Amino acid sequence: MHFMFEAVGIKSVKEKIGVLVKALRSRDGLTQEQLAEQLNVSRITIQNLEAGKNPTIDTVLKVLQHFDLLAGFDNYIGGEIDNNSHESLY
C-alpha cells in the first residue's frame, strides 16, 4: 500500500509542540521564566520544551491546561477511545 502523505514522526510532533508553546507564550507576553514560574517548572524545562527536547507528559499537560487547551485534548482522546472501543456482541 502506498500513501500519498508522509508518516508523522515523534520528533516532528515534539518540534511542533515546541513551536506551539513558544507561540502561545509569546502571544500572552510571557517570558520563559514567567511561564516556568506559573507552571512550577524550571526555565530550562520550558526552554527544552520549546526546542522539542523530550518533554514529559506532565509538562505538556501543564502547558495545555495553562493555555486552556487541556479540555480539547481530553475530548479528542475520549473521542478516540469511543471510536476504537468495540463491545463484544457475545
Protein backbone atom coordinates (compact mmCIF):
# COMPACT_ATOMS: atom_id res chain seq x y z
CA MET A 1 0.00 0.00 0.00
CA HIS A 2 1.39 3.40 -0.97
CA PHE A 3 0.41 6.52 0.95
CA MET A 4 0.23 9.99 -0.54
CA PHE A 5 1.48 11.55 2.67
CA GLU A 6 4.48 11.18 4.90
CA ALA A 7 4.23 9.34 8.17
CA VAL A 8 4.22 11.60 11.20
CA GLY A 9 7.29 11.16 13.36
CA ILE A 10 7.69 11.67 17.08
CA LYS A 11 10.50 14.20 16.56
CA SER A 12 8.29 16.27 14.28
CA VAL A 13 5.43 16.29 16.79
CA LYS A 14 7.77 17.31 19.63
CA GLU A 15 9.06 20.16 17.48
CA LYS A 16 5.52 21.29 16.66
CA ILE A 17 4.60 21.22 20.35
CA GLY A 18 7.60 23.44 21.00
CA VAL A 19 6.58 25.89 18.28
CA LEU A 20 3.04 25.98 19.68
CA VAL A 21 4.21 26.58 23.25
CA LYS A 22 6.51 29.39 22.15
CA ALA A 23 3.71 31.00 20.10
CA LEU A 24 1.21 30.77 22.97
CA ARG A 25 3.75 32.10 25.47
CA SER A 26 4.68 34.98 23.16
CA ARG A 27 1.02 35.75 22.44
CA ASP A 28 0.45 36.17 26.17
CA GLY A 29 3.60 38.28 26.58
CA LEU A 30 5.30 35.78 28.89
CA THR A 31 8.99 35.08 29.16
CA GLN A 32 10.18 31.50 29.56
CA GLU A 33 10.93 32.32 33.20
CA GLN A 34 7.42 33.67 33.82
CA LEU A 35 5.75 30.65 32.25
CA ALA A 36 8.04 28.32 34.18
CA GLU A 37 7.11 30.03 37.46
CA GLN A 38 3.40 29.79 36.67
CA LEU A 39 3.73 26.07 35.89
CA ASN A 40 6.09 25.37 38.79
CA VAL A 41 8.81 24.03 36.49
CA SER A 42 12.29 25.31 35.65
CA ARG A 43 13.05 27.77 32.85
CA ILE A 44 15.26 25.07 31.34
CA THR A 45 12.20 22.80 31.17
CA ILE A 46 10.36 25.44 29.12
CA GLN A 47 13.45 26.10 27.00
CA ASN A 48 13.80 22.38 26.26
CA LEU A 49 10.09 22.01 25.57
CA GLU A 50 10.20 24.84 23.05
CA ALA A 51 13.27 23.23 21.44
CA GLY A 52 11.44 19.92 21.05
CA LYS A 53 13.71 18.15 23.52
CA ASN A 54 11.89 15.25 25.22
CA PRO A 55 9.21 16.95 27.31
CA THR A 56 7.48 14.86 29.94
CA ILE A 57 3.79 14.21 29.50
CA ASP A 58 3.23 16.11 32.77
CA THR A 59 4.92 19.21 31.35
CA VAL A 60 2.90 19.04 28.14
CA LEU A 61 -0.34 18.60 30.10
CA LYS A 62 0.52 21.53 32.40
CA VAL A 63 1.09 23.73 29.36
CA LEU A 64 -2.17 22.60 27.74
CA GLN A 65 -4.02 23.33 30.96
CA HIS A 66 -2.37 26.73 31.36
CA PHE A 67 -3.41 27.81 27.87
CA ASP A 68 -6.94 26.34 28.18
CA LEU A 69 -6.26 23.55 25.68
CA LEU A 70 -6.48 20.59 28.05
CA ALA A 71 -10.25 20.10 27.68
CA GLY A 72 -9.93 19.94 23.89
CA PHE A 73 -7.12 17.40 24.15
CA ASP A 74 -9.14 15.37 26.65
CA ASN A 75 -12.17 15.45 24.32
CA TYR A 76 -10.00 14.28 21.43
CA ILE A 77 -8.70 11.35 23.48
CA GLY A 78 -12.21 10.49 24.67
CA GLY A 79 -13.43 10.50 21.08
CA GLU A 80 -10.63 8.19 20.02
CA ILE A 81 -11.47 5.84 22.89
CA ASP A 82 -15.13 5.85 21.84
CA ASN A 83 -14.24 5.27 18.18
CA ASN A 84 -11.94 2.38 18.98
CA SER A 85 -13.89 0.64 21.73
CA HIS A 86 -15.97 -2.15 20.35
CA GLU A 87 -18.11 -4.03 22.80
CA SER A 88 -18.28 -7.74 22.19
CA LEU A 89 -21.63 -8.96 20.93
CA TYR A 90 -21.15 -12.20 22.90
